[in-house]
Amino acid sequence: MNKIEHLGIAVDNLEQASKLFQMLLNTAAYKQEDVESEGVTTLFFKVGESKIELLRGNHEQSPISKFLTKKGPGFHHVAFAVDNIQEEMERLKQAGFELLQDTPKQGADGKLICFLHPKSTGGLLVELCQDIDV
């Protein structure tokens, strides 16, 4: 793993959260994107070499909507940048971590992604991210 790619924060109201983080970070979001496969709208802010990703569920069955119902707004996941997501998935699987999918899928911000189940990572939802153009 190369670096923390981003921190994911679940929000109820994307517009209000955007204003809050714009004031907090003193910068505007650089990208908003709908990720249909996850049922979310994402909004990204750059923070040095890393990013903050705000996530709002677009329907009741989206993972973010379920998270918000159960836990409320707040920290959702940490994403790590990897050079080869397939190799990293295999390494982690062999090390005993539980992956939430068998193959990487397309995520937001031009990335291939895979999530690790929190029960195998000490309660933390972990996302692996690889640039698609790699």
Protein backbone atom coordinates (compact mmCIF):
# COMPACT_ATOMS: atom_id res chain seq x y z
CA MET A 1 0.00 0.00 0.00
CA ASN A 2 1.39 3.34 -1.08
CA LYS A 3 -0.51 5.95 0.91
CA ILE A 4 -3.89 6.86 2.29
CA GLU A 5 -5.80 7.65 -0.89
CA HIS A 6 -8.83 9.10 0.84
CA LEU A 7 -11.03 9.09 3.92
CA GLY A 8 -14.71 8.41 3.29
CA ILE A 9 -17.30 10.33 5.29
CA ALA A 10 -20.99 9.46 5.14
CA VAL A 11 -23.31 12.50 5.09
CA ASP A 12 -27.07 13.02 5.17
CA ASN A 13 -27.01 16.29 3.24
CA LEU A 14 -24.32 16.65 0.59
CA GLU A 15 -24.90 20.38 0.07
CA GLN A 16 -24.56 21.23 3.76
CA ALA A 17 -21.56 18.93 4.20
CA SER A 18 -19.92 20.45 1.12
CA LYS A 19 -20.25 23.95 2.57
CA LEU A 20 -18.88 22.78 5.91
CA PHE A 21 -15.83 21.07 4.40
CA GLN A 22 -15.23 23.95 1.99
CA MET A 23 -14.96 26.28 4.99
CA LEU A 24 -12.98 23.77 7.06
CA LEU A 25 -10.44 22.98 4.34
CA ASN A 26 -10.48 26.43 2.72
CA THR A 27 -10.87 24.89 -0.74
CA ALA A 28 -13.66 23.93 -3.08
CA ALA A 29 -14.52 20.36 -3.97
CA TYR A 30 -12.86 19.32 -7.22
CA LYS A 31 -15.28 16.60 -8.31
CA GLN A 32 -18.82 15.35 -7.78
CA GLU A 33 -19.77 11.97 -9.18
CA ASP A 34 -22.64 9.50 -9.06
CA VAL A 35 -21.56 5.87 -8.62
CA GLU A 36 -24.63 3.92 -9.70
CA SER A 37 -23.21 0.52 -8.69
CA GLU A 38 -22.92 1.71 -5.08
CA GLY A 39 -26.02 3.92 -5.08
CA VAL A 40 -24.06 6.98 -3.94
CA THR A 41 -23.11 10.48 -4.91
CA THR A 42 -19.54 11.37 -3.99
CA LEU A 43 -17.86 14.72 -3.57
CA PHE A 44 -14.06 14.99 -3.36
CA PHE A 45 -11.79 17.52 -1.68
CA LYS A 46 -7.99 17.47 -1.99
CA VAL A 47 -6.03 17.64 1.25
CA GLY A 48 -2.31 17.59 0.46
CA GLU A 49 -1.59 14.26 -1.23
CA SER A 50 -4.79 12.69 0.11
CA LYS A 51 -8.49 13.36 -0.30
CA ILE A 52 -11.72 13.55 1.64
CA GLU A 53 -14.67 11.80 -0.02
CA LEU A 54 -18.15 12.81 1.12
CA LEU A 55 -20.73 10.10 0.39
CA ARG A 56 -24.50 10.44 0.23
CA GLY A 57 -26.79 7.47 -0.43
CA ASN A 58 -29.10 7.84 -3.41
CA HIS A 59 -31.67 5.24 -2.30
CA GLU A 60 -32.58 3.32 0.86
CA GLN A 61 -30.76 0.15 -0.21
CA SER A 62 -27.38 1.78 -0.85
CA PRO A 63 -24.63 0.81 1.60
CA ILE A 64 -24.24 4.45 2.65
CA SER A 65 -27.97 4.88 3.35
CA LYS A 66 -27.89 1.72 5.48
CA PHE A 67 -24.77 2.99 7.29
CA LEU A 68 -26.43 6.35 7.99
CA THR A 69 -29.57 4.66 9.34
CA LYS A 70 -27.51 2.46 11.65
CA LYS A 71 -24.72 4.82 12.75
CA GLY A 72 -25.54 8.33 11.54
CA PRO A 73 -23.23 10.72 9.67
CA GLY A 74 -19.49 10.43 10.16
CA PHE A 75 -16.37 8.49 9.32
CA HIS A 76 -17.13 5.57 6.99
CA HIS A 77 -13.89 4.12 5.56
CA VAL A 78 -10.20 4.56 4.87
CA ALA A 79 -8.94 3.93 1.34
CA PHE A 80 -5.38 2.93 0.52
CA ALA A 81 -3.75 3.42 -2.89
CA VAL A 82 -2.23 0.25 -4.36
CA ASP A 83 -0.24 -0.34 -7.53
CA ASN A 84 -1.82 -3.71 -8.39
CA ILE A 85 -5.21 -4.31 -6.82
CA GLN A 86 -5.41 -7.96 -7.94
CA GLU A 87 -2.09 -8.82 -6.28
CA GLU A 88 -3.00 -6.90 -3.12
CA MET A 89 -6.39 -8.62 -2.92
CA GLU A 90 -4.71 -12.03 -3.22
CA ARG A 91 -2.07 -11.13 -0.63
CA LEU A 92 -4.68 -9.97 1.86
CA LYS A 93 -6.93 -12.98 1.21
CA GLN A 94 -3.98 -15.31 1.84
CA ALA A 95 -3.26 -13.38 5.05
CA GLY A 96 -6.80 -14.15 6.29
CA PHE A 97 -8.65 -10.94 5.49
CA GLU A 98 -12.21 -11.19 4.20
CA LEU A 99 -12.85 -9.36 0.92
CA LEU A 100 -16.32 -8.05 0.17
CA GLN A 101 -15.95 -8.92 -3.52
CA ASP A 102 -13.91 -11.43 -5.51
CA THR A 103 -12.95 -9.04 -8.30
CA PRO A 104 -12.30 -5.30 -8.26
CA LYS A 105 -15.04 -3.03 -9.52
CA GLN A 106 -15.12 0.47 -10.90
CA GLY A 107 -15.46 3.12 -8.22
CA ALA A 108 -15.42 6.90 -8.14
CA ASP A 109 -12.60 9.19 -9.25
CA GLY A 110 -11.20 6.84 -11.93
CA LYS A 111 -10.39 3.96 -9.59
CA LEU A 112 -10.74 0.19 -9.41
CA ILE A 113 -11.82 -0.66 -5.88
CA CYS A 114 -12.28 -3.51 -3.43
CA PHE A 115 -13.49 -3.40 0.17
CA LEU A 116 -12.33 -5.53 3.09
CA HIS A 117 -14.93 -6.63 5.63
CA PRO A 118 -14.67 -4.70 8.91
CA LYS A 119 -14.90 -7.91 10.95
CA SER A 120 -11.51 -8.92 9.55
CA THR A 121 -9.88 -5.48 9.99
CA GLY A 122 -10.64 -4.70 13.61
CA GLY A 123 -13.93 -2.95 12.88
CA LEU A 124 -12.61 -0.60 10.18
CA LEU A 125 -13.98 -0.66 6.64
CA VAL A 126 -10.93 -0.64 4.35
CA GLU A 127 -10.99 0.16 0.63
CA LEU A 128 -8.22 -0.63 -1.84
CA CYS A 129 -7.92 1.79 -4.78
CA GLN A 130 -5.96 1.49 -8.00
CA ASP A 131 -5.92 4.07 -10.78
CA ILE A 132 -7.76 2.57 -13.77
CA ASP A 133 -5.17 3.81 -16.24
CA VAL A 134 -2.36 1.82 -14.54
